[in-house]
PDB file of all heavy atoms in Angstrom:
ATOM      1  N   GLN A   1      55.586  80.321 105.316  1.00  0.00           N
ATOM      2  CA  GLN A   1      54.607  80.512 106.333  1.00  0.00           C
ATOM      3  C   GLN A   1      53.883  79.137 106.635  1.00  0.00           C
ATOM      4  O   GLN A   1      53.401  78.878 107.779  1.00  0.00           O
ATOM      5  CB  GLN A   1      53.536  81.522 105.931  1.00  0.00           C
ATOM      6  CG  GLN A   1      54.149  82.928 106.020  1.00  0.00           C
ATOM      7  CD  GLN A   1      54.598  83.403 107.393  1.00  0.00           C
ATOM      8  OE1 GLN A   1      53.988  83.077 108.364  1.00  0.00           O
ATOM      9  NE2 GLN A   1      55.738  84.110 107.414  1.00  0.00           N
ATOM     10  N   ALA A   2      53.776  78.314 105.683  1.00  0.00           N
ATOM     11  CA  ALA A   2      53.054  77.013 105.784  1.00  0.00           C
ATOM     12  C   ALA A   2      53.753  76.168 106.892  1.00  0.00           C
ATOM     13  O   ALA A   2      53.059  75.377 107.528  1.00  0.00           O
ATOM     14  CB  ALA A   2      52.907  76.345 104.478  1.00  0.00           C
ATOM     15  N   MET A   3      55.003  76.442 107.004  1.00  0.00           N
ATOM     16  CA  MET A   3      55.796  75.514 107.961  1.00  0.00           C
ATOM     17  C   MET A   3      56.306  76.353 109.156  1.00  0.00           C
ATOM     18  O   MET A   3      57.164  75.888 109.897  1.00  0.00           O
ATOM     19  CB  MET A   3      56.886  74.747 107.280  1.00  0.00           C
ATOM     20  CG  MET A   3      56.467  73.696 106.369  1.00  0.00           C
ATOM     21  SD  MET A   3      57.919  72.767 105.772  1.00  0.00           S
ATOM     22  CE  MET A   3      58.437  71.957 107.242  1.00  0.00           C
ATOM     23  N   ALA A   4      55.831  77.522 109.306  1.00  0.00           N
ATOM     24  CA  ALA A   4      56.302  78.488 110.373  1.00  0.00           C
ATOM     25  C   ALA A   4      56.125  77.796 111.724  1.00  0.00           C
ATOM     26  O   ALA A   4      57.013  77.950 112.565  1.00  0.00           O
ATOM     27  CB  ALA A   4      55.531  79.777 110.317  1.00  0.00           C
ATOM     28  N   GLY A   5      55.058  77.193 111.998  1.00  0.00           N
ATOM     29  CA  GLY A   5      54.887  76.452 113.289  1.00  0.00           C
ATOM     30  C   GLY A   5      55.904  75.454 113.609  1.00  0.00           C
ATOM     31  O   GLY A   5      56.404  75.321 114.733  1.00  0.00           O
ATOM     32  N   TRP A   6      56.262  74.648 112.542  1.00  0.00           N
ATOM     33  CA  TRP A   6      57.268  73.689 112.693  1.00  0.00           C
ATOM     34  C   TRP A   6      58.648  74.360 113.024  1.00  0.00           C
ATOM     35  O   TRP A   6      59.344  73.879 113.903  1.00  0.00           O
ATOM     36  CB  TRP A   6      57.413  72.772 111.460  1.00  0.00           C
ATOM     37  CG  TRP A   6      58.476  71.728 111.539  1.00  0.00           C
ATOM     38  CD1 TRP A   6      58.342  70.460 111.977  1.00  0.00           C
ATOM     39  CD2 TRP A   6      59.831  71.811 111.055  1.00  0.00           C
ATOM     40  NE1 TRP A   6      59.580  69.749 111.848  1.00  0.00           N
ATOM     41  CE2 TRP A   6      60.454  70.583 111.328  1.00  0.00           C
ATOM     42  CE3 TRP A   6      60.617  72.894 110.484  1.00  0.00           C
ATOM     43  CZ2 TRP A   6      61.775  70.398 111.081  1.00  0.00           C
ATOM     44  CZ3 TRP A   6      61.968  72.640 110.236  1.00  0.00           C
ATOM     45  CH2 TRP A   6      62.525  71.398 110.445  1.00  0.00           C
ATOM     46  N   LEU A   7      58.975  75.412 112.316  1.00  0.00           N
ATOM     47  CA  LEU A   7      60.292  76.108 112.574  1.00  0.00           C
ATOM     48  C   LEU A   7      60.245  76.702 113.944  1.00  0.00           C
ATOM     49  O   LEU A   7      61.284  76.573 114.636  1.00  0.00           O
ATOM     50  CB  LEU A   7      60.369  77.265 111.474  1.00  0.00           C
ATOM     51  CG  LEU A   7      61.614  78.116 111.742  1.00  0.00           C
ATOM     52  CD1 LEU A   7      62.998  77.339 111.644  1.00  0.00           C
ATOM     53  CD2 LEU A   7      61.592  79.336 110.738  1.00  0.00           C
ATOM     54  N   PHE A   8      59.143  77.366 114.363  1.00  0.00           N
ATOM     55  CA  PHE A   8      59.082  77.911 115.643  1.00  0.00           C
ATOM     56  C   PHE A   8      59.255  76.860 116.781  1.00  0.00           C
ATOM     57  O   PHE A   8      59.995  77.161 117.745  1.00  0.00           O
ATOM     58  CB  PHE A   8      57.795  78.708 115.933  1.00  0.00           C
ATOM     59  CG  PHE A   8      57.732  80.007 115.138  1.00  0.00           C
ATOM     60  CD1 PHE A   8      58.535  80.360 114.155  1.00  0.00           C
ATOM     61  CD2 PHE A   8      56.791  80.947 115.561  1.00  0.00           C
ATOM     62  CE1 PHE A   8      58.476  81.544 113.440  1.00  0.00           C
ATOM     63  CE2 PHE A   8      56.738  82.173 114.884  1.00  0.00           C
ATOM     64  CZ  PHE A   8      57.577  82.412 113.817  1.00  0.00           C
ATOM     65  N   THR A   9      58.742  75.707 116.616  1.00  0.00           N
ATOM     66  CA  THR A   9      58.918  74.611 117.534  1.00  0.00           C
ATOM     67  C   THR A   9      60.392  74.169 117.606  1.00  0.00           C
ATOM     68  O   THR A   9      60.928  74.031 118.719  1.00  0.00           O
ATOM     69  CB  THR A   9      58.022  73.392 117.141  1.00  0.00           C
ATOM     70  OG1 THR A   9      56.657  73.800 117.160  1.00  0.00           O
ATOM     71  CG2 THR A   9      58.289  72.242 118.098  1.00  0.00           C
ATOM     72  N   GLN A  10      61.086  74.103 116.483  1.00  0.00           N
ATOM     73  CA  GLN A  10      62.451  73.639 116.391  1.00  0.00           C
ATOM     74  C   GLN A  10      63.270  74.720 117.174  1.00  0.00           C
ATOM     75  O   GLN A  10      64.167  74.477 118.018  1.00  0.00           O
ATOM     76  CB  GLN A  10      62.941  73.554 115.078  1.00  0.00           C
ATOM     77  CG  GLN A  10      62.213  72.527 114.206  1.00  0.00           C
ATOM     78  CD  GLN A  10      62.139  71.145 114.796  1.00  0.00           C
ATOM     79  OE1 GLN A  10      63.102  70.497 115.187  1.00  0.00           O
ATOM     80  NE2 GLN A  10      60.910  70.599 114.971  1.00  0.00           N
ATOM     81  N   LEU A  11      63.047  75.972 116.810  1.00  0.00           N
ATOM     82  CA  LEU A  11      63.791  77.138 117.465  1.00  0.00           C
ATOM     83  C   LEU A  11      63.574  77.205 118.991  1.00  0.00           C
ATOM     84  O   LEU A  11      64.492  77.531 119.687  1.00  0.00           O
ATOM     85  CB  LEU A  11      63.551  78.372 116.764  1.00  0.00           C
ATOM     86  CG  LEU A  11      64.061  78.452 115.329  1.00  0.00           C
ATOM     87  CD1 LEU A  11      63.590  79.781 114.735  1.00  0.00           C
ATOM     88  CD2 LEU A  11      65.621  78.350 115.260  1.00  0.00           C
ATOM     89  N   THR A  12      62.325  76.875 119.465  1.00  0.00           N
ATOM     90  CA  THR A  12      62.033  76.937 120.825  1.00  0.00           C
ATOM     91  C   THR A  12      62.783  75.870 121.507  1.00  0.00           C
ATOM     92  O   THR A  12      63.255  76.063 122.681  1.00  0.00           O
ATOM     93  CB  THR A  12      60.473  76.877 120.999  1.00  0.00           C
ATOM     94  OG1 THR A  12      59.887  77.952 120.413  1.00  0.00           O
ATOM     95  CG2 THR A  12      60.129  76.875 122.499  1.00  0.00           C
ATOM     96  N   GLU A  13      62.776  74.626 120.982  1.00  0.00           N
ATOM     97  CA  GLU A  13      63.528  73.542 121.531  1.00  0.00           C
ATOM     98  C   GLU A  13      64.948  73.857 121.722  1.00  0.00           C
ATOM     99  O   GLU A  13      65.566  73.530 122.641  1.00  0.00           O
ATOM    100  CB  GLU A  13      63.234  72.240 120.793  1.00  0.00           C
ATOM    101  CG  GLU A  13      61.924  71.687 120.931  1.00  0.00           C
ATOM    102  CD  GLU A  13      61.642  70.453 120.075  1.00  0.00           C
ATOM    103  OE1 GLU A  13      62.670  69.912 119.532  1.00  0.00           O
ATOM    104  OE2 GLU A  13      60.554  69.940 120.048  1.00  0.00           O
ATOM    105  N   ILE A  14      65.540  74.436 120.712  1.00  0.00           N
ATOM    106  CA  ILE A  14      66.992  74.842 120.697  1.00  0.00           C
ATOM    107  C   ILE A  14      67.188  75.893 121.822  1.00  0.00           C
ATOM    108  O   ILE A  14      68.180  75.708 122.640  1.00  0.00           O
ATOM    109  CB  ILE A  14      67.435  75.399 119.314  1.00  0.00           C
ATOM    110  CG1 ILE A  14      67.431  74.290 118.293  1.00  0.00           C
ATOM    111  CG2 ILE A  14      68.792  76.095 119.429  1.00  0.00           C
ATOM    112  CD1 ILE A  14      67.547  74.706 116.895  1.00  0.00           C
ATOM    113  N   ARG A  15      66.372  76.864 121.876  1.00  0.00           N
ATOM    114  CA  ARG A  15      66.503  77.902 122.863  1.00  0.00           C
ATOM    115  C   ARG A  15      66.397  77.295 124.375  1.00  0.00           C
ATOM    116  O   ARG A  15      67.118  77.584 125.276  1.00  0.00           O
ATOM    117  CB  ARG A  15      65.427  78.970 122.691  1.00  0.00           C
ATOM    118  CG  ARG A  15      65.598  80.136 123.779  1.00  0.00           C
ATOM    119  CD  ARG A  15      64.633  81.290 123.507  1.00  0.00           C
ATOM    120  NE  ARG A  15      64.978  81.944 122.200  1.00  0.00           N
ATOM    121  CZ  ARG A  15      65.874  82.815 121.988  1.00  0.00           C
ATOM    122  NH1 ARG A  15      66.705  83.176 122.961  1.00  0.00           N
ATOM    123  NH2 ARG A  15      66.112  83.313 120.853  1.00  0.00           N
ATOM    124  N   THR A  16      65.332  76.462 124.524  1.00  0.00           N
ATOM    125  CA  THR A  16      65.100  75.889 125.823  1.00  0.00           C
ATOM    126  C   THR A  16      66.339  74.975 126.249  1.00  0.00           C
ATOM    127  O   THR A  16      66.697  75.141 127.385  1.00  0.00           O
ATOM    128  CB  THR A  16      63.781  74.995 125.751  1.00  0.00           C
ATOM    129  OG1 THR A  16      62.726  75.867 125.402  1.00  0.00           O
ATOM    130  CG2 THR A  16      63.545  74.342 127.150  1.00  0.00           C
ATOM    131  N   TYR A  17      66.766  74.255 125.347  1.00  0.00           N
ATOM    132  CA  TYR A  17      67.961  73.376 125.644  1.00  0.00           C
ATOM    133  C   TYR A  17      69.142  74.229 126.064  1.00  0.00           C
ATOM    134  O   TYR A  17      69.906  73.949 126.941  1.00  0.00           O
ATOM    135  CB  TYR A  17      68.224  72.436 124.564  1.00  0.00           C
ATOM    136  CG  TYR A  17      69.298  71.411 124.899  1.00  0.00           C
ATOM    137  CD1 TYR A  17      68.869  70.256 125.525  1.00  0.00           C
ATOM    138  CD2 TYR A  17      70.649  71.589 124.740  1.00  0.00           C
ATOM    139  CE1 TYR A  17      69.772  69.241 125.897  1.00  0.00           C
ATOM    140  CE2 TYR A  17      71.538  70.678 125.083  1.00  0.00           C
ATOM    141  CZ  TYR A  17      71.093  69.468 125.660  1.00  0.00           C
ATOM    142  OH  TYR A  17      72.032  68.537 126.103  1.00  0.00           O
ATOM    143  N   HIS A  18      69.424  75.267 125.233  1.00  0.00           N
ATOM    144  CA  HIS A  18      70.553  76.234 125.504  1.00  0.00           C
ATOM    145  C   HIS A  18      70.388  76.844 126.859  1.00  0.00           C
ATOM    146  O   HIS A  18      71.349  76.917 127.649  1.00  0.00           O
ATOM    147  CB  HIS A  18      70.583  77.298 124.420  1.00  0.00           C
ATOM    148  CG  HIS A  18      71.696  78.261 124.649  1.00  0.00           C
ATOM    149  ND1 HIS A  18      73.032  77.916 124.412  1.00  0.00           N
ATOM    150  CD2 HIS A  18      71.693  79.510 125.083  1.00  0.00           C
ATOM    151  CE1 HIS A  18      73.785  78.997 124.718  1.00  0.00           C
ATOM    152  NE2 HIS A  18      73.008  79.965 125.099  1.00  0.00           N
ATOM    153  N   GLN A  19      69.269  77.299 127.181  1.00  0.00           N
ATOM    154  CA  GLN A  19      68.998  77.911 128.536  1.00  0.00           C
ATOM    155  C   GLN A  19      69.226  76.989 129.595  1.00  0.00           C
ATOM    156  O   GLN A  19      69.780  77.303 130.668  1.00  0.00           O
ATOM    157  CB  GLN A  19      67.588  78.584 128.562  1.00  0.00           C
ATOM    158  CG  GLN A  19      67.387  79.781 127.689  1.00  0.00           C
ATOM    159  CD  GLN A  19      66.037  80.312 127.532  1.00  0.00           C
ATOM    160  OE1 GLN A  19      65.092  79.536 127.817  1.00  0.00           O
ATOM    161  NE2 GLN A  19      65.878  81.469 127.091  1.00  0.00           N
ATOM    162  N   ARG A  20      68.768  75.816 129.457  1.00  0.00           N
ATOM    163  CA  ARG A  20      68.955  74.684 130.426  1.00  0.00           C
ATOM    164  C   ARG A  20      70.469  74.411 130.692  1.00  0.00           C
ATOM    165  O   ARG A  20      70.969  74.344 131.756  1.00  0.00           O
ATOM    166  CB  ARG A  20      68.241  73.528 130.025  1.00  0.00           C
ATOM    167  CG  ARG A  20      68.166  72.369 131.161  1.00  0.00           C
ATOM    168  CD  ARG A  20      67.381  71.204 130.736  1.00  0.00           C
ATOM    169  NE  ARG A  20      66.626  71.585 129.472  1.00  0.00           N
ATOM    170  CZ  ARG A  20      66.038  70.694 128.696  1.00  0.00           C
ATOM    171  NH1 ARG A  20      65.990  69.498 128.936  1.00  0.00           N
ATOM    172  NH2 ARG A  20      65.372  71.137 127.580  1.00  0.00           N
ATOM    173  N   GLU A  21      71.182  74.391 129.616  1.00  0.00           N
ATOM    174  CA  GLU A  21      72.673  74.144 129.687  1.00  0.00           C
ATOM    175  C   GLU A  21      73.353  75.402 130.333  1.00  0.00           C
ATOM    176  O   GLU A  21      74.314  75.152 131.070  1.00  0.00           O
ATOM    177  CB  GLU A  21      73.151  73.901 128.307  1.00  0.00           C
ATOM    178  CG  GLU A  21      72.810  72.580 127.739  1.00  0.00           C
ATOM    179  CD  GLU A  21      73.239  71.320 128.571  1.00  0.00           C
ATOM    180  OE1 GLU A  21      74.436  71.300 128.913  1.00  0.00           O
ATOM    181  OE2 GLU A  21      72.337  70.555 128.988  1.00  0.00           O
ATOM    182  N   GLN A  22      72.925  76.487 130.029  1.00  0.00           N
ATOM    183  CA  GLN A  22      73.471  77.799 130.668  1.00  0.00           C
ATOM    184  C   GLN A  22      73.276  77.720 132.126  1.00  0.00           C
ATOM    185  O   GLN A  22      74.168  78.090 132.947  1.00  0.00           O
ATOM    186  CB  GLN A  22      72.854  79.018 130.098  1.00  0.00           C
ATOM    187  CG  GLN A  22      73.246  79.256 128.620  1.00  0.00           C
ATOM    188  CD  GLN A  22      74.790  79.553 128.523  1.00  0.00           C
ATOM    189  OE1 GLN A  22      75.277  80.357 129.260  1.00  0.00           O
ATOM    190  NE2 GLN A  22      75.397  78.831 127.529  1.00  0.00           N
ATOM    191  N   ARG A  23      72.013  77.318 132.557  1.00  0.00           N
ATOM    192  CA  ARG A  23      71.728  77.284 134.090  1.00  0.00           C
ATOM    193  C   ARG A  23      72.621  76.149 134.699  1.00  0.00           C
ATOM    194  O   ARG A  23      73.212  76.438 135.770  1.00  0.00           O
ATOM    195  CB  ARG A  23      70.230  76.875 134.239  1.00  0.00           C
ATOM    196  CG  ARG A  23      69.358  78.053 134.243  1.00  0.00           C
ATOM    197  CD  ARG A  23      67.929  77.753 134.791  1.00  0.00           C
ATOM    198  NE  ARG A  23      67.279  76.674 134.110  1.00  0.00           N
ATOM    199  CZ  ARG A  23      66.579  76.807 132.952  1.00  0.00           C
ATOM    200  NH1 ARG A  23      66.473  78.019 132.439  1.00  0.00           N
ATOM    201  NH2 ARG A  23      65.989  75.804 132.349  1.00  0.00           N
ATOM    202  N   LYS A  24      72.817  75.034 134.055  1.00  0.00           N
ATOM    203  CA  LYS A  24      73.714  74.028 134.640  1.00  0.00           C
ATOM    204  C   LYS A  24      75.161  74.619 134.829  1.00  0.00           C
ATOM    205  O   LYS A  24      75.753  74.338 135.799  1.00  0.00           O
ATOM    206  CB  LYS A  24      73.754  72.839 133.726  1.00  0.00           C
ATOM    207  CG  LYS A  24      72.493  71.946 133.853  1.00  0.00           C
ATOM    208  CD  LYS A  24      72.636  70.754 132.918  1.00  0.00           C
ATOM    209  CE  LYS A  24      71.409  69.920 132.882  1.00  0.00           C
ATOM    210  NZ  LYS A  24      71.565  68.807 131.836  1.00  0.00           N
ATOM    211  N   ALA A  25      75.592  75.351 133.796  1.00  0.00           N
ATOM    212  CA  ALA A  25      76.943  75.894 133.827  1.00  0.00           C
ATOM    213  C   ALA A  25      77.088  76.870 134.953  1.00  0.00           C
ATOM    214  O   ALA A  25      78.081  76.904 135.618  1.00  0.00           O
ATOM    215  CB  ALA A  25      77.305  76.529 132.488  1.00  0.00           C
ATOM    216  N   ARG A  26      76.065  77.761 135.138  1.00  0.00           N
ATOM    217  CA  ARG A  26      76.175  78.738 136.184  1.00  0.00           C
ATOM    218  C   ARG A  26      76.060  78.114 137.574  1.00  0.00           C
ATOM    219  O   ARG A  26      76.689  78.647 138.576  1.00  0.00           O
ATOM    220  CB  ARG A  26      74.911  79.740 136.045  1.00  0.00           C
ATOM    221  CG  ARG A  26      75.206  80.819 135.037  1.00  0.00           C
ATOM    222  CD  ARG A  26      74.202  81.947 135.144  1.00  0.00           C
ATOM    223  NE  ARG A  26      72.773  81.432 135.027  1.00  0.00           N
ATOM    224  CZ  ARG A  26      72.107  81.384 133.850  1.00  0.00           C
ATOM    225  NH1 ARG A  26      72.680  81.648 132.772  1.00  0.00           N
ATOM    226  NH2 ARG A  26      70.827  80.957 133.902  1.00  0.00           N
ATOM    227  N   GLN A  27      75.345  76.896 137.664  1.00  0.00           N
ATOM    228  CA  GLN A  27      75.265  76.364 139.004  1.00  0.00           C
ATOM    229  C   GLN A  27      76.498  75.476 139.231  1.00  0.00           C
ATOM    230  O   GLN A  27      76.658  74.911 140.341  1.00  0.00           O
ATOM    231  CB  GLN A  27      74.070  75.307 138.995  1.00  0.00           C
ATOM    232  CG  GLN A  27      72.755  76.025 138.938  1.00  0.00           C
ATOM    233  CD  GLN A  27      71.574  75.197 138.760  1.00  0.00           C
ATOM    234  OE1 GLN A  27      71.759  73.997 138.488  1.00  0.00           O
ATOM    235  NE2 GLN A  27      70.362  75.698 138.739  1.00  0.00           N
ATOM    236  N   GLY A  28      77.359  75.435 138.372  1.00  0.00           N
ATOM    237  CA  GLY A  28      78.692  74.681 138.555  1.00  0.00           C
ATOM    238  C   GLY A  28      78.469  73.185 138.550  1.00  0.00           C
ATOM    239  O   GLY A  28      79.134  72.517 139.461  1.00  0.00           O
ATOM    240  N   THR A  29      77.776  72.704 137.632  1.00  0.00           N
ATOM    241  CA  THR A  29      77.630  71.214 137.603  1.00  0.00           C
ATOM    242  C   THR A  29      78.985  70.519 137.557  1.00  0.00           C
ATOM    243  O   THR A  29      79.802  70.902 136.631  1.00  0.00           O
ATOM    244  CB  THR A  29      76.796  70.776 136.370  1.00  0.00           C
ATOM    245  OG1 THR A  29      75.479  71.529 136.411  1.00  0.00           O
ATOM    246  CG2 THR A  29      76.465  69.254 136.331  1.00  0.00           C
ATOM    247  N   PRO A  30      79.332  69.626 138.427  1.00  0.00           N
ATOM    248  CA  PRO A  30      80.605  69.051 138.460  1.00  0.00           C
ATOM    249  C   PRO A  30      80.884  68.177 137.154  1.00  0.00           C
ATOM    250  O   PRO A  30      79.941  67.480 136.669  1.00  0.00           O
ATOM    251  CB  PRO A  30      80.652  68.205 139.726  1.00  0.00           C
ATOM    252  CG  PRO A  30      79.233  67.947 140.016  1.00  0.00           C
ATOM    253  CD  PRO A  30      78.463  69.158 139.519  1.00  0.00           C
ATOM    254  N   ARG A  31      82.061  68.184 136.713  1.00  0.00           N
ATOM    255  CA  ARG A  31      82.488  67.390 135.565  1.00  0.00           C
ATOM    256  C   ARG A  31      83.218  66.176 136.028  1.00  0.00           C
ATOM    257  O   ARG A  31      84.086  66.360 137.021  1.00  0.00           O
ATOM    258  CB  ARG A  31      83.210  68.191 134.641  1.00  0.00           C
ATOM    259  CG  ARG A  31      82.341  69.237 133.976  1.00  0.00           C
ATOM    260  CD  ARG A  31      83.121  69.978 132.806  1.00  0.00           C
ATOM    261  NE  ARG A  31      82.188  70.909 132.194  1.00  0.00           N
ATOM    262  CZ  ARG A  31      82.278  72.196 132.320  1.00  0.00           C
ATOM    263  NH1 ARG A  31      83.120  72.753 133.191  1.00  0.00           N
ATOM    264  NH2 ARG A  31      81.449  72.968 131.734  1.00  0.00           N
ATOM    265  N   ALA A  32      83.148  65.020 135.400  1.00  0.00           N
ATOM    266  CA  ALA A  32      83.812  63.843 135.895  1.00  0.00           C
ATOM    267  C   ALA A  32      85.326  63.944 135.748  1.00  0.00           C
ATOM    268  O   ALA A  32      86.007  63.425 136.576  1.00  0.00           O
ATOM    269  CB  ALA A  32      83.247  62.633 135.125  1.00  0.00           C
ATOM    270  N   THR A  33      85.763  64.585 134.623  1.00  0.00           N
ATOM    271  CA  THR A  33      87.216  64.621 134.349  1.00  0.00           C
ATOM    272  C   THR A  33      87.900  65.860 134.873  1.00  0.00           C
ATOM    273  O   THR A  33      89.134  65.881 134.931  1.00  0.00           O
ATOM    274  CB  THR A  33      87.555  64.521 132.868  1.00  0.00           C
ATOM    275  OG1 THR A  33      86.942  65.670 132.175  1.00  0.00           O
ATOM    276  CG2 THR A  33      86.894  63.242 132.254  1.00  0.00           C
ATOM    277  N   GLY A  34      87.144  66.886 135.206  1.00  0.00           N
ATOM    278  CA  GLY A  34      87.744  68.093 135.614  1.00  0.00           C
ATOM    279  C   GLY A  34      88.169  69.011 134.398  1.00  0.00           C
ATOM    280  O   GLY A  34      88.543  70.115 134.592  1.00  0.00           O
ATOM    281  N   LYS A  35      88.075  68.405 133.211  1.00  0.00           N
ATOM    282  CA  LYS A  35      88.377  69.187 131.997  1.00  0.00           C
ATOM    283  C   LYS A  35      87.092  69.807 131.482  1.00  0.00           C
ATOM    284  O   LYS A  35      85.927  69.279 131.725  1.00  0.00           O
ATOM    285  CB  LYS A  35      88.869  68.322 130.950  1.00  0.00           C
ATOM    286  CG  LYS A  35      90.263  67.674 131.303  1.00  0.00           C
ATOM    287  CD  LYS A  35      90.778  66.810 130.195  1.00  0.00           C
ATOM    288  CE  LYS A  35      92.065  66.105 130.580  1.00  0.00           C
ATOM    289  NZ  LYS A  35      92.491  65.191 129.566  1.00  0.00           N
ATOM    290  N   PRO A  36      87.162  70.880 130.756  1.00  0.00           N
ATOM    291  CA  PRO A  36      85.935  71.397 130.083  1.00  0.00           C
ATOM    292  C   PRO A  36      85.372  70.361 129.130  1.00  0.00           C
ATOM    293  O   PRO A  36      85.990  69.709 128.425  1.00  0.00           O
ATOM    294  CB  PRO A  36      86.459  72.743 129.260  1.00  0.00           C
ATOM    295  CG  PRO A  36      87.791  72.945 129.773  1.00  0.00           C
ATOM    296  CD  PRO A  36      88.365  71.674 130.372  1.00  0.00           C
ATOM    297  N   ALA A  37      84.000  70.413 129.167  1.00  0.00           N
ATOM    298  CA  ALA A  37      83.337  69.447 128.288  1.00  0.00           C
ATOM    299  C   ALA A  37      83.419  69.915 126.839  1.00  0.00           C
ATOM    300  O   ALA A  37      83.466  71.117 126.602  1.00  0.00           O
ATOM    301  CB  ALA A  37      81.867  69.331 128.624  1.00  0.00           C
ATOM    302  N   ASP A  38      83.546  68.932 125.883  1.00  0.00           N
ATOM    303  CA  ASP A  38      83.508  69.267 124.468  1.00  0.00           C
ATOM    304  C   ASP A  38      82.188  69.662 124.040  1.00  0.00           C
ATOM    305  O   ASP A  38      81.241  68.836 124.065  1.00  0.00           O
ATOM    306  CB  ASP A  38      83.928  68.052 123.700  1.00  0.00           C
ATOM    307  CG  ASP A  38      83.898  68.273 122.210  1.00  0.00           C
ATOM    308  OD1 ASP A  38      83.771  69.474 121.774  1.00  0.00           O
ATOM    309  OD2 ASP A  38      84.065  67.329 121.370  1.00  0.00           O
ATOM    310  N   GLN A  39      81.909  70.957 123.751  1.00  0.00           N
ATOM    311  CA  GLN A  39      80.564  71.477 123.494  1.00  0.00           C
ATOM    312  C   GLN A  39      80.073  71.130 122.127  1.00  0.00           C
ATOM    313  O   GLN A  39      78.899  71.381 121.864  1.00  0.00           O
ATOM    314  CB  GLN A  39      80.583  73.017 123.636  1.00  0.00           C
ATOM    315  CG  GLN A  39      80.859  73.351 125.092  1.00  0.00           C
ATOM    316  CD  GLN A  39      80.300  74.722 125.377  1.00  0.00           C
ATOM    317  OE1 GLN A  39      79.920  75.520 124.507  1.00  0.00           O
ATOM    318  NE2 GLN A  39      80.351  75.125 126.671  1.00  0.00           N
TER     319      GLN A  39
END
């Protein structure tokens, strides 16, 4: 519990980044090579 705030911040950043990447994928962000990106 003493570090719960730190953990929540880390997980929130991970979730936010994942959601941003999901939005980009749904919007069909063009890829330079035409191949799927290495995730």
